[in-house]
Amino acid sequence: MKPMYKEYYNFSEAPFNVTSDPEFFFSSSRHSEAFSHLLYGIQQRKGILVITGEIGTGKTTLCRTLINRLEDNVKTALLLNPYFSENQLLQLIIKDLGIVGDFKNKLALNEALNAFLIEQNSVGNNVVLIVDEAQDLKVSQLEQLRLLSNLETEKTKLLQIVLVGQPELIEKLRLSSLRQLTQRITVRYHILPLERPEVNDYIHHRLKIAAHTDNGTLPVRFTPEAIDAVYLNSKGTPRLINILCDRALLFGYVAETDTITDEIIYKCAREVGNYS
C-alpha cells in the first residue's frame, strides 16, 4: 500500500521504506568503508569475509548494493534465510548459481559445485556466496561453509564467502569448535550507526531520490531541531530513522505542512515507541 503522503509531497516513491532498496543506498563513512573492505576481499579472492552490525544498520542493503555494483565476471549467490540443513544449504547455493542437474546426495552436490567453480575460474570469473543473518547459522552449517572455502587451486580461492550478521555472529565465531573457520577469516568490518551530521545527509539523500530532484529543492523540509530529534530517538540507526521519518511525513500530510519540526518527531517517536 502506498503511503497517503506520497501524492501530497509529489514523491515518485516513498522515501523512507524499510525495505533493502539499493537505489537508496547511502554511503556513510562506515558503509563506504564496509563496501571497500568487501570489494577488496572479493577482488583479491581472500576467501572468507565477515561484516557485522546491529539490527537496522543497513547490512542487507549493503549486500544488495554490492551485488549490483560487482563486475560482470563475478557470479553471486545470496542466501537471506539461514534456517536450513547442511544439505539444503548446498542445494540453495547450487540453485542460486544456476547450476542445473539431478544431484542425489551431498557428494554429488559438492562435486557439481566444485566443477562449476573450476569452470568459472578457467574463464576468468569469480564466484561469491553472501549469507545474510549469519548469526543464526548453526555450528555445523558454519563448518560446512568452512569446507566450501577450502575449494581452491594452487594459486587462488575458487569461492569467496561473505558472512553478514548481527554482533552475535562475532561471539559465535569465538567458539572453540569454530577456530578453524575463524583462522580463515581475512576481512572483518563492523558497521556502526550514523553520526549526527550523517543523519542530516541521510534524510536529505532519501528525500532527493524520492523526489527525483537535482536542484536541491525538496517538497518537504526537516528543521535542524527535527534532525536532532531524529538522531536522539534513532541513535543513528537507519531503520529507526526510516520509521520515524515515514511517520513524520504522514503527520505532515495530515497537518498540511511542508515543514517537519522537532515537535512532530517527538510525537511520532512516542507513537512508535522510540522516545528517548
Protein backbone atom coordinates (compact mmCIF):
# COMPACT_ATOMS: atom_id res chain seq x y z
CA MET A 1 0.00 0.00 0.00
CA LYS A 2 1.44 3.36 -0.99
CA PRO A 3 1.58 6.00 1.79
CA MET A 4 -1.10 8.71 1.75
CA TYR A 5 1.50 11.48 1.76
CA LYS A 6 3.14 10.35 -1.50
CA GLU A 7 0.97 12.48 -3.80
CA TYR A 8 0.77 15.36 -1.31
CA TYR A 9 4.55 15.81 -1.35
CA ASN A 10 4.82 14.79 -5.01
CA PHE A 11 7.15 11.87 -4.36
CA SER A 12 7.64 9.30 -7.10
CA GLU A 13 8.08 6.69 -4.36
CA ALA A 14 8.10 6.57 -0.58
CA PRO A 15 11.47 7.92 0.65
CA PHE A 16 11.61 6.03 3.94
CA ASN A 17 10.60 2.46 3.21
CA VAL A 18 12.28 -0.08 5.47
CA THR A 19 12.96 -2.46 2.57
CA SER A 20 16.56 -3.03 1.47
CA ASP A 21 16.47 -0.97 -1.73
CA PRO A 22 19.94 -0.43 -3.28
CA GLU A 23 18.65 2.68 -5.07
CA PHE A 24 18.52 4.42 -1.68
CA PHE A 25 21.94 3.20 -0.51
CA PHE A 26 23.65 5.95 1.50
CA SER A 27 27.42 5.99 1.51
CA SER A 28 28.13 6.98 5.08
CA SER A 29 31.76 6.81 6.18
CA ARG A 30 31.12 3.41 7.79
CA HIS A 31 29.13 1.97 4.90
CA SER A 32 31.72 3.19 2.41
CA GLU A 33 34.48 1.53 4.42
CA ALA A 34 32.47 -1.70 4.68
CA PHE A 35 31.86 -1.62 0.93
CA SER A 36 35.56 -1.08 0.25
CA HIS A 37 36.50 -3.96 2.56
CA LEU A 38 34.08 -6.28 0.76
CA LEU A 39 35.22 -5.21 -2.69
CA TYR A 40 38.88 -5.70 -1.75
CA GLY A 41 38.25 -9.14 -0.26
CA ILE A 42 36.28 -10.28 -3.29
CA GLN A 43 38.60 -8.87 -5.95
CA GLN A 44 41.68 -10.26 -4.19
CA ARG A 45 39.92 -13.61 -3.59
CA LYS A 46 40.54 -13.61 0.14
CA GLY A 47 38.16 -16.45 0.94
CA ILE A 48 36.03 -15.68 3.99
CA LEU A 49 34.86 -12.14 4.81
CA VAL A 50 32.73 -11.08 7.79
CA ILE A 51 30.55 -7.96 8.04
CA THR A 52 28.66 -7.30 11.28
CA GLY A 53 26.40 -4.59 12.65
CA GLU A 54 23.45 -4.07 14.95
CA ILE A 55 19.88 -4.62 13.76
CA GLY A 56 18.80 -1.98 11.24
CA THR A 57 22.24 -0.62 10.37
CA GLY A 58 21.85 -1.36 6.66
CA LYS A 59 23.74 -4.63 6.23
CA THR A 60 21.27 -6.19 3.79
CA THR A 61 21.08 -3.00 1.72
CA LEU A 62 24.88 -3.02 1.61
CA CYS A 63 24.83 -6.60 0.31
CA ARG A 64 22.30 -5.84 -2.42
CA THR A 65 24.22 -2.74 -3.43
CA LEU A 66 27.43 -4.75 -3.61
CA ILE A 67 25.81 -7.35 -5.88
CA ASN A 68 24.51 -4.61 -8.20
CA ARG A 69 27.92 -2.98 -8.46
CA LEU A 70 30.13 -6.02 -8.95
CA GLU A 71 31.63 -6.54 -12.38
CA ASP A 72 30.03 -8.96 -14.83
CA ASN A 73 32.73 -11.56 -14.27
CA VAL A 74 31.66 -12.00 -10.64
CA LYS A 75 28.89 -14.56 -10.15
CA THR A 76 26.92 -14.27 -6.91
CA ALA A 77 24.60 -16.29 -4.71
CA LEU A 78 22.67 -14.54 -1.93
CA LEU A 79 21.13 -16.52 0.92
CA LEU A 80 18.77 -14.49 3.11
CA ASN A 81 17.29 -17.28 5.21
CA PRO A 82 19.71 -19.31 7.35
CA TYR A 83 17.13 -21.80 8.59
CA PHE A 84 18.11 -24.83 6.55
CA SER A 85 20.15 -28.01 6.90
CA GLU A 86 23.66 -28.51 5.55
CA ASN A 87 22.25 -30.35 2.52
CA GLN A 88 19.68 -27.62 1.92
CA LEU A 89 22.48 -25.07 2.19
CA LEU A 90 24.28 -26.73 -0.71
CA GLN A 91 21.06 -27.08 -2.69
CA LEU A 92 20.27 -23.38 -2.30
CA ILE A 93 23.78 -22.35 -3.34
CA ILE A 94 23.61 -24.62 -6.37
CA LYS A 95 20.19 -23.25 -7.34
CA ASP A 96 21.14 -19.58 -6.87
CA LEU A 97 24.25 -20.02 -9.02
CA GLY A 98 22.12 -21.51 -11.80
CA ILE A 99 23.69 -24.97 -11.67
CA VAL A 100 21.24 -27.47 -13.14
CA GLY A 101 21.20 -31.21 -12.52
CA ASP A 102 19.78 -34.13 -10.59
CA PHE A 103 22.00 -34.34 -7.53
CA LYS A 104 21.16 -37.38 -5.41
CA ASN A 105 23.28 -36.68 -2.34
CA LYS A 106 25.69 -34.35 -0.62
CA LEU A 107 28.67 -35.73 -2.51
CA ALA A 108 27.00 -35.05 -5.85
CA LEU A 109 26.16 -31.51 -4.75
CA ASN A 110 29.75 -30.84 -3.72
CA GLU A 111 31.12 -32.28 -6.95
CA ALA A 112 28.74 -30.18 -9.03
CA LEU A 113 29.69 -27.01 -7.15
CA ASN A 114 33.40 -27.76 -7.42
CA ALA A 115 33.13 -28.40 -11.16
CA PHE A 116 31.21 -25.14 -11.60
CA LEU A 117 33.82 -23.17 -9.64
CA ILE A 118 36.69 -24.65 -11.64
CA GLU A 119 34.89 -23.86 -14.89
CA GLN A 120 34.20 -20.26 -13.82
CA ASN A 121 37.81 -19.79 -12.74
CA SER A 122 39.07 -21.14 -16.08
CA VAL A 123 37.24 -18.36 -17.95
CA GLY A 124 38.37 -15.64 -15.54
CA ASN A 125 35.24 -15.44 -13.42
CA ASN A 126 34.98 -15.11 -9.66
CA VAL A 127 32.18 -16.61 -7.52
CA VAL A 128 30.83 -15.04 -4.33
CA LEU A 129 28.43 -16.50 -1.77
CA ILE A 130 26.77 -13.97 0.54
CA VAL A 131 24.98 -15.31 3.63
CA ASP A 132 22.80 -12.77 5.44
CA GLU A 133 21.64 -13.20 9.05
CA ALA A 134 24.66 -15.44 9.52
CA GLN A 135 24.43 -15.18 13.31
CA ASP A 136 21.57 -17.70 13.06
CA LEU A 137 23.69 -20.34 11.34
CA LYS A 138 24.35 -23.48 13.35
CA VAL A 139 27.90 -24.53 14.10
CA SER A 140 27.50 -27.44 11.67
CA GLN A 141 26.40 -25.04 8.92
CA LEU A 142 29.35 -22.73 9.53
CA GLU A 143 31.62 -25.75 9.40
CA GLN A 144 30.05 -26.67 6.06
CA LEU A 145 30.91 -23.18 4.78
CA ARG A 146 34.48 -23.60 6.00
CA LEU A 147 34.78 -26.76 3.94
CA LEU A 148 33.47 -24.91 0.90
CA SER A 149 36.12 -22.25 1.45
CA ASN A 150 38.75 -24.98 1.00
CA LEU A 151 37.83 -25.26 -2.68
CA GLU A 152 40.85 -23.70 -4.37
CA THR A 153 43.57 -24.04 -6.97
CA GLU A 154 47.26 -23.77 -6.17
CA LYS A 155 47.03 -20.01 -6.63
CA THR A 156 43.54 -18.81 -5.76
CA LYS A 157 40.35 -19.37 -3.78
CA LEU A 158 37.53 -20.56 -6.02
CA LEU A 159 34.74 -19.33 -3.76
CA GLN A 160 34.59 -16.11 -1.74
CA ILE A 161 32.21 -16.34 1.23
CA VAL A 162 30.72 -13.24 2.86
CA LEU A 163 29.11 -13.78 6.26
CA VAL A 164 26.82 -10.90 7.24
CA GLY A 165 25.22 -10.77 10.66
CA GLN A 166 24.49 -9.14 13.97
CA PRO A 167 27.14 -8.87 16.73
CA GLU A 168 26.12 -12.32 17.98
CA LEU A 169 27.99 -13.67 14.96
CA ILE A 170 31.23 -12.34 16.44
CA GLU A 171 30.56 -14.22 19.67
CA LYS A 172 29.68 -17.43 17.81
CA LEU A 173 32.91 -17.27 15.82
CA ARG A 174 34.84 -17.27 19.10
CA LEU A 175 33.66 -20.81 19.86
CA SER A 176 36.49 -23.30 20.11
CA SER A 177 34.69 -25.61 17.68
CA LEU A 178 34.88 -22.89 15.00
CA ARG A 179 38.52 -21.91 15.43
CA GLN A 180 39.47 -23.40 12.03
CA LEU A 181 36.84 -21.20 10.38
CA THR A 182 37.87 -18.14 12.37
CA GLN A 183 41.51 -18.55 11.29
CA ARG A 184 40.39 -18.38 7.66
CA ILE A 185 38.62 -15.02 8.02
CA THR A 186 40.76 -12.48 6.21
CA VAL A 187 38.47 -9.43 6.17
CA ARG A 188 36.34 -8.17 9.07
CA TYR A 189 34.31 -5.00 9.45
CA HIS A 190 31.71 -3.83 11.98
CA ILE A 191 29.20 -1.22 10.80
CA LEU A 192 28.36 1.47 13.37
CA PRO A 193 25.26 3.74 13.37
CA LEU A 194 25.31 7.13 11.64
CA GLU A 195 26.74 10.23 13.29
CA ARG A 196 24.55 13.34 13.73
CA PRO A 197 25.81 15.13 10.55
CA GLU A 198 25.28 11.91 8.59
CA VAL A 199 21.68 11.65 9.78
CA ASN A 200 21.03 15.02 8.17
CA ASP A 201 22.69 13.90 4.93
CA TYR A 202 20.90 10.54 5.05
CA ILE A 203 17.45 12.12 5.31
CA HIS A 204 18.11 14.60 2.50
CA HIS A 205 19.66 11.86 0.36
CA ARG A 206 16.48 9.77 0.54
CA LEU A 207 14.21 12.76 0.01
CA LYS A 208 16.13 13.76 -3.12
CA ILE A 209 15.89 10.28 -4.61
CA ALA A 210 12.16 10.00 -3.88
CA ALA A 211 11.52 13.48 -5.28
CA HIS A 212 13.82 12.95 -8.28
CA THR A 213 15.34 16.40 -7.88
CA ASP A 214 18.91 17.54 -8.54
CA ASN A 215 18.47 21.27 -7.91
CA GLY A 216 18.35 20.96 -4.12
CA THR A 217 14.69 21.93 -3.87
CA LEU A 218 12.73 19.44 -1.77
CA PRO A 219 8.96 19.22 -1.27
CA VAL A 220 9.35 18.92 2.49
CA ARG A 221 11.81 20.38 5.00
CA PHE A 222 13.14 18.86 8.21
CA THR A 223 14.28 21.63 10.57
CA PRO A 224 17.71 21.30 12.23
CA GLU A 225 15.90 20.67 15.52
CA ALA A 226 13.88 17.92 13.86
CA ILE A 227 17.11 16.29 12.64
CA ASP A 228 18.47 16.48 16.20
CA ALA A 229 15.31 14.78 17.45
CA VAL A 230 15.58 12.05 14.82
CA TYR A 231 19.19 11.40 15.81
CA LEU A 232 18.34 11.36 19.52
CA ASN A 233 15.49 8.90 19.10
CA SER A 234 17.08 6.64 16.49
CA LYS A 235 20.64 6.66 17.84
CA GLY A 236 21.68 6.91 14.20
CA THR A 237 20.22 3.53 13.20
CA PRO A 238 18.97 3.79 9.58
CA ARG A 239 15.94 1.55 10.03
CA LEU A 240 14.71 3.57 13.01
CA ILE A 241 15.37 6.80 11.11
CA ASN A 242 13.16 5.47 8.30
CA ILE A 243 10.35 4.51 10.67
CA LEU A 244 10.41 7.92 12.37
CA CYS A 245 10.62 9.94 9.17
CA ASP A 246 7.93 7.93 7.44
CA ARG A 247 5.58 8.59 10.37
CA ALA A 248 6.60 12.27 10.40
CA LEU A 249 5.68 12.66 6.72
CA LEU A 250 2.29 11.13 7.42
CA PHE A 251 1.84 13.59 10.27
CA GLY A 252 2.89 16.45 7.98
CA TYR A 253 0.37 15.35 5.37
CA VAL A 254 -2.46 15.27 7.92
CA ALA A 255 -1.41 18.70 9.25
CA GLU A 256 -0.97 20.02 5.69
CA THR A 257 2.53 21.29 6.32
CA ASP A 258 5.75 21.03 4.36
CA THR A 259 7.90 21.62 7.46
CA ILE A 260 8.75 18.79 9.84
CA THR A 261 9.63 20.12 13.29
CA ASP A 262 11.14 18.52 16.37
CA GLU A 263 7.69 18.60 17.97
CA ILE A 264 6.39 16.37 15.17
CA ILE A 265 9.35 14.00 15.53
CA TYR A 266 8.83 13.62 19.29
CA LYS A 267 5.13 12.92 18.79
CA CYS A 268 5.99 10.27 16.21
CA ALA A 269 8.67 8.79 18.44
CA ARG A 270 6.14 8.32 21.24
CA GLU A 271 3.79 6.61 18.79
CA VAL A 272 6.35 4.13 17.51
CA GLY A 273 7.92 3.51 20.91
CA ASN A 274 11.37 5.01 20.28
CA TYR A 275 11.05 8.05 22.52
CA SER A 276 14.27 8.86 24.41
